[in-house]
Amino acid sequence: MQARVDRNEETGHSRRVVKYIGFLAYLATGLVSLLGGLLFVPRLWLVPLWGGWLVGLWVAHQLMLRGSLWVLATAPIALAALWAYVTAGWAMWGWVVEDLPFGVR
């Protein structure tokens, strides 16, 4: 006897897995933001960077709970925001290597 599998159940399971993958990918950007921020951003400017990441974490969590596939876009957006923040800091605010912690050169 063969069991019938409803297509909606397959789609629901796949969608659940995909939204968890998206949320975990966003969590991984937190590590990049933490380490990248420590290496490339002066200490005072870390507060808005990490605060923005925490707001993004809340948004990603809400998207995951609602089952939205937009959660997949949160990780690339977080990485693009980190890149833009560091680039703007170097270009507009004159961050230089001597201002950075750990003597990064």
PDB file of N, CA and C in Angstrom:
ATOM      1  N   MET A   1       0.837  -1.162   0.000  1.00  0.00           N
ATOM      2  CA  MET A   1       0.000   0.000   0.000  1.00  0.00           C
ATOM      3  C   MET A   1       0.896   1.245   0.000  1.00  0.00           C
ATOM      4  N   GLN A   2       0.578   2.160  -0.846  1.00  0.00           N
ATOM      5  CA  GLN A   2       1.392   3.355  -0.993  1.00  0.00           C
ATOM      6  C   GLN A   2       0.708   4.545  -0.321  1.00  0.00           C
ATOM      7  N   ALA A   3       1.484   5.311   0.426  1.00  0.00           N
ATOM      8  CA  ALA A   3       0.929   6.478   1.109  1.00  0.00           C
ATOM      9  C   ALA A   3       0.932   7.665   0.151  1.00  0.00           C
ATOM     10  N   ARG A   4      -0.126   8.415   0.214  1.00  0.00           N
ATOM     11  CA  ARG A   4      -0.216   9.628  -0.612  1.00  0.00           C
ATOM     12  C   ARG A   4       0.406  10.790   0.141  1.00  0.00           C
ATOM     13  N   VAL A   5       1.190  11.546  -0.566  1.00  0.00           N
ATOM     14  CA  VAL A   5       1.792  12.736   0.019  1.00  0.00           C
ATOM     15  C   VAL A   5       1.165  13.945  -0.652  1.00  0.00           C
ATOM     16  N   ASP A   6       0.584  14.783   0.162  1.00  0.00           N
ATOM     17  CA  ASP A   6      -0.034  15.992  -0.360  1.00  0.00           C
ATOM     18  C   ASP A   6       1.062  16.964  -0.788  1.00  0.00           C
ATOM     19  N   ARG A   7       0.921  17.554  -1.949  1.00  0.00           N
ATOM     20  CA  ARG A   7       1.927  18.491  -2.450  1.00  0.00           C
ATOM     21  C   ARG A   7       2.093  19.683  -1.506  1.00  0.00           C
ATOM     22  N   ASN A   8       1.026  20.093  -0.851  1.00  0.00           N
ATOM     23  CA  ASN A   8       1.128  21.213   0.088  1.00  0.00           C
ATOM     24  C   ASN A   8       2.026  20.862   1.269  1.00  0.00           C
ATOM     25  N   GLU A   9       2.009  19.611   1.702  1.00  0.00           N
ATOM     26  CA  GLU A   9       2.878  19.213   2.802  1.00  0.00           C
ATOM     27  C   GLU A   9       4.345  19.260   2.384  1.00  0.00           C
ATOM     28  N   GLU A  10       4.634  18.811   1.168  1.00  0.00           N
ATOM     29  CA  GLU A  10       6.013  18.872   0.675  1.00  0.00           C
ATOM     30  C   GLU A  10       6.483  20.321   0.584  1.00  0.00           C
ATOM     31  N   THR A  11       5.661  21.176   0.038  1.00  0.00           N
ATOM     32  CA  THR A  11       6.017  22.584  -0.102  1.00  0.00           C
ATOM     33  C   THR A  11       6.187  23.235   1.258  1.00  0.00           C
ATOM     34  N   GLY A  12       5.306  22.914   2.204  1.00  0.00           N
ATOM     35  CA  GLY A  12       5.408  23.486   3.541  1.00  0.00           C
ATOM     36  C   GLY A  12       6.681  23.081   4.241  1.00  0.00           C
ATOM     37  N   HIS A  13       7.073  21.817   4.099  1.00  0.00           N
ATOM     38  CA  HIS A  13       8.314  21.344   4.727  1.00  0.00           C
ATOM     39  C   HIS A  13       9.521  22.019   4.087  1.00  0.00           C
ATOM     40  N   SER A  14       9.542  22.093   2.777  1.00  0.00           N
ATOM     41  CA  SER A  14      10.656  22.733   2.074  1.00  0.00           C
ATOM     42  C   SER A  14      10.756  24.201   2.454  1.00  0.00           C
ATOM     43  N   ARG A  15       9.610  24.845   2.527  1.00  0.00           N
ATOM     44  CA  ARG A  15       9.603  26.267   2.868  1.00  0.00           C
ATOM     45  C   ARG A  15      10.120  26.486   4.293  1.00  0.00           C
ATOM     46  N   ARG A  16       9.757  25.602   5.208  1.00  0.00           N
ATOM     47  CA  ARG A  16      10.221  25.708   6.592  1.00  0.00           C
ATOM     48  C   ARG A  16      11.743  25.567   6.650  1.00  0.00           C
ATOM     49  N   VAL A  17      12.273  24.615   5.923  1.00  0.00           N
ATOM     50  CA  VAL A  17      13.728  24.416   5.903  1.00  0.00           C
ATOM     51  C   VAL A  17      14.423  25.634   5.320  1.00  0.00           C
ATOM     52  N   VAL A  18      13.877  26.177   4.243  1.00  0.00           N
ATOM     53  CA  VAL A  18      14.492  27.322   3.582  1.00  0.00           C
ATOM     54  C   VAL A  18      14.482  28.545   4.498  1.00  0.00           C
ATOM     55  N   LYS A  19      13.387  28.763   5.232  1.00  0.00           N
ATOM     56  CA  LYS A  19      13.363  29.950   6.094  1.00  0.00           C
ATOM     57  C   LYS A  19      14.339  29.812   7.261  1.00  0.00           C
ATOM     58  N   TYR A  20      14.557  28.600   7.764  1.00  0.00           N
ATOM     59  CA  TYR A  20      15.559  28.413   8.814  1.00  0.00           C
ATOM     60  C   TYR A  20      16.972  28.617   8.268  1.00  0.00           C
ATOM     61  N   ILE A  21      17.201  28.168   7.055  1.00  0.00           N
ATOM     62  CA  ILE A  21      18.506  28.396   6.420  1.00  0.00           C
ATOM     63  C   ILE A  21      18.758  29.895   6.260  1.00  0.00           C
ATOM     64  N   GLY A  22      17.734  30.643   5.843  1.00  0.00           N
ATOM     65  CA  GLY A  22      17.873  32.088   5.705  1.00  0.00           C
ATOM     66  C   GLY A  22      18.185  32.766   7.024  1.00  0.00           C
ATOM     67  N   PHE A  23      17.524  32.325   8.096  1.00  0.00           N
ATOM     68  CA  PHE A  23      17.772  32.913   9.409  1.00  0.00           C
ATOM     69  C   PHE A  23      19.174  32.572   9.907  1.00  0.00           C
ATOM     70  N   LEU A  24      19.604  31.328   9.705  1.00  0.00           N
ATOM     71  CA  LEU A  24      20.958  30.944  10.107  1.00  0.00           C
ATOM     72  C   LEU A  24      22.015  31.700   9.310  1.00  0.00           C
ATOM     73  N   ALA A  25      21.724  31.967   8.047  1.00  0.00           N
ATOM     74  CA  ALA A  25      22.654  32.760   7.237  1.00  0.00           C
ATOM     75  C   ALA A  25      22.767  34.173   7.796  1.00  0.00           C
ATOM     76  N   TYR A  26      21.644  34.725   8.250  1.00  0.00           N
ATOM     77  CA  TYR A  26      21.713  36.054   8.859  1.00  0.00           C
ATOM     78  C   TYR A  26      22.527  36.017  10.148  1.00  0.00           C
ATOM     79  N   LEU A  27      22.359  34.977  10.942  1.00  0.00           N
ATOM     80  CA  LEU A  27      23.155  34.850  12.164  1.00  0.00           C
ATOM     81  C   LEU A  27      24.648  34.784  11.838  1.00  0.00           C
ATOM     82  N   ALA A  28      25.001  34.123  10.752  1.00  0.00           N
ATOM     83  CA  ALA A  28      26.404  34.044  10.345  1.00  0.00           C
ATOM     84  C   ALA A  28      26.954  35.421   9.986  1.00  0.00           C
ATOM     85  N   THR A  29      26.095  36.298   9.444  1.00  0.00           N
ATOM     86  CA  THR A  29      26.569  37.650   9.141  1.00  0.00           C
ATOM     87  C   THR A  29      26.894  38.410  10.420  1.00  0.00           C
ATOM     88  N   GLY A  30      26.314  37.988  11.533  1.00  0.00           N
ATOM     89  CA  GLY A  30      26.658  38.612  12.811  1.00  0.00           C
ATOM     90  C   GLY A  30      28.108  38.382  13.167  1.00  0.00           C
ATOM     91  N   LEU A  31      28.608  37.198  12.891  1.00  0.00           N
ATOM     92  CA  LEU A  31      30.019  36.914  13.136  1.00  0.00           C
ATOM     93  C   LEU A  31      30.896  37.766  12.227  1.00  0.00           C
ATOM     94  N   VAL A  32      30.499  37.887  10.974  1.00  0.00           N
ATOM     95  CA  VAL A  32      31.248  38.727  10.035  1.00  0.00           C
ATOM     96  C   VAL A  32      31.208  40.181  10.496  1.00  0.00           C
ATOM     97  N   SER A  33      30.038  40.628  10.934  1.00  0.00           N
ATOM     98  CA  SER A  33      29.894  42.008  11.400  1.00  0.00           C
ATOM     99  C   SER A  33      30.720  42.242  12.663  1.00  0.00           C
ATOM    100  N   LEU A  34      30.723  41.284  13.552  1.00  0.00           N
ATOM    101  CA  LEU A  34      31.490  41.415  14.791  1.00  0.00           C
ATOM    102  C   LEU A  34      32.987  41.481  14.506  1.00  0.00           C
ATOM    103  N   LEU A  35      33.483  40.514  13.766  1.00  0.00           N
ATOM    104  CA  LEU A  35      34.926  40.475  13.487  1.00  0.00           C
ATOM    105  C   LEU A  35      35.348  41.580  12.528  1.00  0.00           C
ATOM    106  N   GLY A  36      34.563  41.779  11.485  1.00  0.00           N
ATOM    107  CA  GLY A  36      34.887  42.841  10.533  1.00  0.00           C
ATOM    108  C   GLY A  36      34.815  44.210  11.172  1.00  0.00           C
ATOM    109  N   GLY A  37      33.838  44.385  12.036  1.00  0.00           N
ATOM    110  CA  GLY A  37      33.728  45.654  12.731  1.00  0.00           C
ATOM    111  C   GLY A  37      34.917  45.915  13.630  1.00  0.00           C
ATOM    112  N   LEU A  38      35.359  44.892  14.339  1.00  0.00           N
ATOM    113  CA  LEU A  38      36.516  45.064  15.224  1.00  0.00           C
ATOM    114  C   LEU A  38      37.784  45.364  14.445  1.00  0.00           C
ATOM    115  N   LEU A  39      37.895  44.833  13.239  1.00  0.00           N
ATOM    116  CA  LEU A  39      39.119  45.010  12.463  1.00  0.00           C
ATOM    117  C   LEU A  39      39.138  46.297  11.646  1.00  0.00           C
ATOM    118  N   PHE A  40      37.962  46.755  11.189  1.00  0.00           N
ATOM    119  CA  PHE A  40      37.948  47.846  10.211  1.00  0.00           C
ATOM    120  C   PHE A  40      37.217  49.104  10.662  1.00  0.00           C
ATOM    121  N   VAL A  41      36.606  49.087  11.837  1.00  0.00           N
ATOM    122  CA  VAL A  41      35.811  50.224  12.292  1.00  0.00           C
ATOM    123  C   VAL A  41      36.347  50.698  13.641  1.00  0.00           C
ATOM    124  N   PRO A  42      36.570  52.015  13.811  1.00  0.00           N
ATOM    125  CA  PRO A  42      36.973  52.519  15.127  1.00  0.00           C
ATOM    126  C   PRO A  42      35.920  52.199  16.185  1.00  0.00           C
ATOM    127  N   ARG A  43      36.371  52.064  17.415  1.00  0.00           N
ATOM    128  CA  ARG A  43      35.497  51.568  18.487  1.00  0.00           C
ATOM    129  C   ARG A  43      34.213  52.363  18.658  1.00  0.00           C
ATOM    130  N   LEU A  44      34.260  53.675  18.609  1.00  0.00           N
ATOM    131  CA  LEU A  44      33.072  54.494  18.798  1.00  0.00           C
ATOM    132  C   LEU A  44      32.007  54.204  17.738  1.00  0.00           C
ATOM    133  N   TRP A  45      32.430  53.883  16.549  1.00  0.00           N
ATOM    134  CA  TRP A  45      31.506  53.660  15.439  1.00  0.00           C
ATOM    135  C   TRP A  45      30.950  52.237  15.406  1.00  0.00           C
ATOM    136  N   LEU A  46      31.366  51.403  16.336  1.00  0.00           N
ATOM    137  CA  LEU A  46      30.828  50.043  16.396  1.00  0.00           C
ATOM    138  C   LEU A  46      29.390  50.003  16.916  1.00  0.00           C
ATOM    139  N   VAL A  47      29.029  50.960  17.760  1.00  0.00           N
ATOM    140  CA  VAL A  47      27.688  50.964  18.363  1.00  0.00           C
ATOM    141  C   VAL A  47      26.591  51.030  17.296  1.00  0.00           C
ATOM    142  N   PRO A  48      26.632  51.985  16.344  1.00  0.00           N
ATOM    143  CA  PRO A  48      25.579  51.981  15.317  1.00  0.00           C
ATOM    144  C   PRO A  48      25.632  50.738  14.419  1.00  0.00           C
ATOM    145  N   LEU A  49      26.832  50.238  14.157  1.00  0.00           N
ATOM    146  CA  LEU A  49      26.961  49.049  13.316  1.00  0.00           C
ATOM    147  C   LEU A  49      26.290  47.848  13.965  1.00  0.00           C
ATOM    148  N   TRP A  50      26.619  47.591  15.208  1.00  0.00           N
ATOM    149  CA  TRP A  50      26.039  46.438  15.892  1.00  0.00           C
ATOM    150  C   TRP A  50      24.575  46.659  16.240  1.00  0.00           C
ATOM    151  N   GLY A  51      24.199  47.900  16.512  1.00  0.00           N
ATOM    152  CA  GLY A  51      22.782  48.200  16.742  1.00  0.00           C
ATOM    153  C   GLY A  51      21.948  47.924  15.501  1.00  0.00           C
ATOM    154  N   GLY A  52      22.471  48.308  14.351  1.00  0.00           N
ATOM    155  CA  GLY A  52      21.778  48.015  13.089  1.00  0.00           C
ATOM    156  C   GLY A  52      21.665  46.522  12.848  1.00  0.00           C
ATOM    157  N   TRP A  53      22.703  45.774  13.222  1.00  0.00           N
ATOM    158  CA  TRP A  53      22.632  44.323  13.048  1.00  0.00           C
ATOM    159  C   TRP A  53      21.571  43.712  13.971  1.00  0.00           C
ATOM    160  N   LEU A  54      21.456  44.232  15.188  1.00  0.00           N
ATOM    161  CA  LEU A  54      20.435  43.714  16.111  1.00  0.00           C
ATOM    162  C   LEU A  54      19.025  44.019  15.612  1.00  0.00           C
ATOM    163  N   VAL A  55      18.826  45.185  15.023  1.00  0.00           N
ATOM    164  CA  VAL A  55      17.523  45.497  14.420  1.00  0.00           C
ATOM    165  C   VAL A  55      17.255  44.523  13.274  1.00  0.00           C
ATOM    166  N   GLY A  56      18.259  44.256  12.466  1.00  0.00           N
ATOM    167  CA  GLY A  56      18.114  43.289  11.382  1.00  0.00           C
ATOM    168  C   GLY A  56      17.822  41.891  11.890  1.00  0.00           C
ATOM    169  N   LEU A  57      18.397  41.538  13.029  1.00  0.00           N
ATOM    170  CA  LEU A  57      18.111  40.237  13.631  1.00  0.00           C
ATOM    171  C   LEU A  57      16.636  40.131  14.002  1.00  0.00           C
ATOM    172  N   TRP A  58      16.095  41.190  14.576  1.00  0.00           N
ATOM    173  CA  TRP A  58      14.669  41.197  14.917  1.00  0.00           C
ATOM    174  C   TRP A  58      13.813  41.066  13.657  1.00  0.00           C
ATOM    175  N   VAL A  59      14.175  41.791  12.604  1.00  0.00           N
ATOM    176  CA  VAL A  59      13.428  41.714  11.340  1.00  0.00           C
ATOM    177  C   VAL A  59      13.517  40.309  10.755  1.00  0.00           C
ATOM    178  N   ALA A  60      14.709  39.725  10.745  1.00  0.00           N
ATOM    179  CA  ALA A  60      14.868  38.368  10.205  1.00  0.00           C
ATOM    180  C   ALA A  60      14.056  37.360  11.011  1.00  0.00           C
ATOM    181  N   HIS A  61      14.029  37.527  12.321  1.00  0.00           N
ATOM    182  CA  HIS A  61      13.252  36.623  13.173  1.00  0.00           C
ATOM    183  C   HIS A  61      11.758  36.754  12.879  1.00  0.00           C
ATOM    184  N   GLN A  62      11.282  37.974  12.727  1.00  0.00           N
ATOM    185  CA  GLN A  62       9.873  38.184  12.410  1.00  0.00           C
ATOM    186  C   GLN A  62       9.518  37.582  11.050  1.00  0.00           C
ATOM    187  N   LEU A  63      10.383  37.755  10.076  1.00  0.00           N
ATOM    188  CA  LEU A  63      10.139  37.169   8.759  1.00  0.00           C
ATOM    189  C   LEU A  63      10.121  35.651   8.826  1.00  0.00           C
ATOM    190  N   MET A  64      11.015  35.088   9.623  1.00  0.00           N
ATOM    191  CA  MET A  64      11.047  33.634   9.768  1.00  0.00           C
ATOM    192  C   MET A  64       9.765  33.128  10.420  1.00  0.00           C
ATOM    193  N   LEU A  65       9.306  33.812  11.456  1.00  0.00           N
ATOM    194  CA  LEU A  65       8.089  33.387  12.140  1.00  0.00           C
ATOM    195  C   LEU A  65       6.863  33.468  11.236  1.00  0.00           C
ATOM    196  N   ARG A  66       6.835  34.449  10.356  1.00  0.00           N
ATOM    197  CA  ARG A  66       5.704  34.605   9.437  1.00  0.00           C
ATOM    198  C   ARG A  66       5.801  33.669   8.240  1.00  0.00           C
ATOM    199  N   GLY A  67       6.916  33.025   8.093  1.00  0.00           N
ATOM    200  CA  GLY A  67       7.094  32.092   6.979  1.00  0.00           C
ATOM    201  C   GLY A  67       7.406  32.775   5.661  1.00  0.00           C
ATOM    202  N   SER A  68       7.868  34.005   5.728  1.00  0.00           N
ATOM    203  CA  SER A  68       8.171  34.750   4.517  1.00  0.00           C
ATOM    204  C   SER A  68       9.525  34.328   3.957  1.00  0.00           C
ATOM    205  N   LEU A  69       9.584  34.179   2.666  1.00  0.00           N
ATOM    206  CA  LEU A  69      10.856  33.835   2.037  1.00  0.00           C
ATOM    207  C   LEU A  69      11.773  35.051   1.896  1.00  0.00           C
ATOM    208  N   TRP A  70      11.291  36.219   2.282  1.00  0.00           N
ATOM    209  CA  TRP A  70      12.136  37.406   2.289  1.00  0.00           C
ATOM    210  C   TRP A  70      13.270  37.274   3.294  1.00  0.00           C
ATOM    211  N   VAL A  71      13.157  36.309   4.199  1.00  0.00           N
ATOM    212  CA  VAL A  71      14.233  36.090   5.167  1.00  0.00           C
ATOM    213  C   VAL A  71      15.531  35.724   4.439  1.00  0.00           C
ATOM    214  N   LEU A  72      15.421  35.186   3.245  1.00  0.00           N
ATOM    215  CA  LEU A  72      16.616  34.845   2.468  1.00  0.00           C
ATOM    216  C   LEU A  72      17.379  36.087   2.022  1.00  0.00           C
ATOM    217  N   ALA A  73      16.701  37.216   1.949  1.00  0.00           N
ATOM    218  CA  ALA A  73      17.353  38.454   1.507  1.00  0.00           C
ATOM    219  C   ALA A  73      18.076  39.167   2.642  1.00  0.00           C
ATOM    220  N   THR A  74      17.834  38.778   3.884  1.00  0.00           N
ATOM    221  CA  THR A  74      18.412  39.516   5.005  1.00  0.00           C
ATOM    222  C   THR A  74      19.929  39.378   5.095  1.00  0.00           C
ATOM    223  N   ALA A  75      20.467  38.209   4.822  1.00  0.00           N
ATOM    224  CA  ALA A  75      21.925  38.017   4.905  1.00  0.00           C
ATOM    225  C   ALA A  75      22.672  38.838   3.851  1.00  0.00           C
ATOM    226  N   PRO A  76      22.276  38.785   2.573  1.00  0.00           N
ATOM    227  CA  PRO A  76      22.980  39.633   1.600  1.00  0.00           C
ATOM    228  C   PRO A  76      22.833  41.125   1.884  1.00  0.00           C
ATOM    229  N   ILE A  77      21.671  41.532   2.396  1.00  0.00           N
ATOM    230  CA  ILE A  77      21.480  42.941   2.735  1.00  0.00           C
ATOM    231  C   ILE A  77      22.403  43.334   3.882  1.00  0.00           C
ATOM    232  N   ALA A  78      22.558  42.457   4.876  1.00  0.00           N
ATOM    233  CA  ALA A  78      23.440  42.752   6.009  1.00  0.00           C
ATOM    234  C   ALA A  78      24.889  42.884   5.551  1.00  0.00           C
ATOM    235  N   LEU A  79      25.331  42.012   4.661  1.00  0.00           N
ATOM    236  CA  LEU A  79      26.709  42.099   4.169  1.00  0.00           C
ATOM    237  C   LEU A  79      26.922  43.352   3.333  1.00  0.00           C
ATOM    238  N   ALA A  80      25.927  43.705   2.516  1.00  0.00           N
ATOM    239  CA  ALA A  80      26.032  44.931   1.716  1.00  0.00           C
ATOM    240  C   ALA A  80      26.053  46.164   2.618  1.00  0.00           C
ATOM    241  N   ALA A  81      25.261  46.146   3.691  1.00  0.00           N
ATOM    242  CA  ALA A  81      25.248  47.272   4.628  1.00  0.00           C
ATOM    243  C   ALA A  81      26.586  47.398   5.345  1.00  0.00           C
ATOM    244  N   LEU A  82      27.185  46.288   5.732  1.00  0.00           N
ATOM    245  CA  LEU A  82      28.505  46.324   6.370  1.00  0.00           C
ATOM    246  C   LEU A  82      29.541  46.907   5.423  1.00  0.00           C
ATOM    247  N   TRP A  83      29.537  46.450   4.186  1.00  0.00           N
ATOM    248  CA  TRP A  83      30.476  46.963   3.191  1.00  0.00           C
ATOM    249  C   TRP A  83      30.277  48.458   2.982  1.00  0.00           C
ATOM    250  N   ALA A  84      29.019  48.890   2.862  1.00  0.00           N
ATOM    251  CA  ALA A  84      28.731  50.310   2.651  1.00  0.00           C
ATOM    252  C   ALA A  84      29.162  51.145   3.851  1.00  0.00           C
ATOM    253  N   TYR A  85      28.950  50.634   5.045  1.00  0.00           N
ATOM    254  CA  TYR A  85      29.311  51.351   6.276  1.00  0.00           C
ATOM    255  C   TYR A  85      30.818  51.552   6.365  1.00  0.00           C
ATOM    256  N   VAL A  86      31.563  50.500   6.125  1.00  0.00           N
ATOM    257  CA  VAL A  86      33.026  50.596   6.193  1.00  0.00           C
ATOM    258  C   VAL A  86      33.557  51.497   5.077  1.00  0.00           C
ATOM    259  N   THR A  87      33.031  51.345   3.881  1.00  0.00           N
ATOM    260  CA  THR A  87      33.475  52.164   2.759  1.00  0.00           C
ATOM    261  C   THR A  87      33.166  53.641   3.000  1.00  0.00           C
ATOM    262  N   ALA A  88      31.966  53.924   3.500  1.00  0.00           N
ATOM    263  CA  ALA A  88      31.606  55.312   3.793  1.00  0.00           C
ATOM    264  C   ALA A  88      32.479  55.873   4.905  1.00  0.00           C
ATOM    265  N   GLY A  89      32.792  55.063   5.887  1.00  0.00           N
ATOM    266  CA  GLY A  89      33.659  55.531   6.972  1.00  0.00           C
ATOM    267  C   GLY A  89      35.038  55.914   6.477  1.00  0.00           C
ATOM    268  N   TRP A  90      35.567  55.112   5.599  1.00  0.00           N
ATOM    269  CA  TRP A  90      36.895  55.417   5.060  1.00  0.00           C
ATOM    270  C   TRP A  90      36.846  56.652   4.170  1.00  0.00           C
ATOM    271  N   ALA A  91      35.807  56.762   3.352  1.00  0.00           N
ATOM    272  CA  ALA A  91      35.736  57.854   2.384  1.00  0.00           C
ATOM    273  C   ALA A  91      35.277  59.174   3.014  1.00  0.00           C
ATOM    274  N   MET A  92      34.230  59.136   3.847  1.00  0.00           N
ATOM    275  CA  MET A  92      33.625  60.374   4.336  1.00  0.00           C
ATOM    276  C   MET A  92      34.180  60.822   5.684  1.00  0.00           C
ATOM    277  N   TRP A  93      34.459  59.891   6.567  1.00  0.00           N
ATOM    278  CA  TRP A  93      34.865  60.270   7.911  1.00  0.00           C
ATOM    279  C   TRP A  93      36.366  60.124   8.128  1.00  0.00           C
ATOM    280  N   GLY A  94      37.060  59.684   7.116  1.00  0.00           N
ATOM    281  CA  GLY A  94      38.509  59.638   7.178  1.00  0.00           C
ATOM    282  C   GLY A  94      39.096  58.612   8.129  1.00  0.00           C
ATOM    283  N   TRP A  95      38.396  57.488   8.287  1.00  0.00           N
ATOM    284  CA  TRP A  95      38.981  56.440   9.121  1.00  0.00           C
ATOM    285  C   TRP A  95      40.301  56.020   8.503  1.00  0.00           C
ATOM    286  N   VAL A  96      41.315  55.943   9.313  1.00  0.00           N
ATOM    287  CA  VAL A  96      42.620  55.510   8.820  1.00  0.00           C
ATOM    288  C   VAL A  96      43.073  54.328   9.654  1.00  0.00           C
ATOM    289  N   VAL A  97      44.069  53.648   9.169  1.00  0.00           N
ATOM    290  CA  VAL A  97      44.524  52.427   9.808  1.00  0.00           C
ATOM    291  C   VAL A  97      45.011  52.694  11.231  1.00  0.00           C
ATOM    292  N   GLU A  98      45.614  53.842  11.481  1.00  0.00           N
ATOM    293  CA  GLU A  98      46.134  54.145  12.811  1.00  0.00           C
ATOM    294  C   GLU A  98      45.017  54.274  13.838  1.00  0.00           C
ATOM    295  N   ASP A  99      43.784  54.604  13.397  1.00  0.00           N
ATOM    296  CA  ASP A  99      42.658  54.754  14.311  1.00  0.00           C
ATOM    297  C   ASP A  99      42.062  53.404  14.707  1.00  0.00           C
ATOM    298  N   LEU A 100      42.420  52.375  13.994  1.00  0.00           N
ATOM    299  CA  LEU A 100      41.774  51.090  14.203  1.00  0.00           C
ATOM    300  C   LEU A 100      42.407  50.318  15.350  1.00  0.00           C
ATOM    301  N   PRO A 101      41.613  49.454  16.000  1.00  0.00           N
ATOM    302  CA  PRO A 101      42.154  48.685  17.115  1.00  0.00           C
ATOM    303  C   PRO A 101      43.123  47.597  16.650  1.00  0.00           C
ATOM    304  N   PHE A 102      43.843  47.033  17.566  1.00  0.00           N
ATOM    305  CA  PHE A 102      44.756  45.905  17.347  1.00  0.00           C
ATOM    306  C   PHE A 102      45.922  46.228  16.433  1.00  0.00           C
ATOM    307  N   GLY A 103      46.134  47.486  16.087  1.00  0.00           N
ATOM    308  CA  GLY A 103      47.249  47.864  15.240  1.00  0.00           C
ATOM    309  C   GLY A 103      47.201  47.244  13.855  1.00  0.00           C
ATOM    310  N   VAL A 104      46.000  47.117  13.305  1.00  0.00           N
ATOM    311  CA  VAL A 104      45.840  46.524  11.972  1.00  0.00           C
ATOM    312  C   VAL A 104      46.502  47.441  10.950  1.00  0.00           C
ATOM    313  N   ARG A 105      47.262  46.841  10.083  1.00  0.00           N
ATOM    314  CA  ARG A 105      47.921  47.623   9.025  1.00  0.00           C
ATOM    315  C   ARG A 105      47.662  46.997   7.684  1.00  0.00           C
TER     316      ARG A 105
END
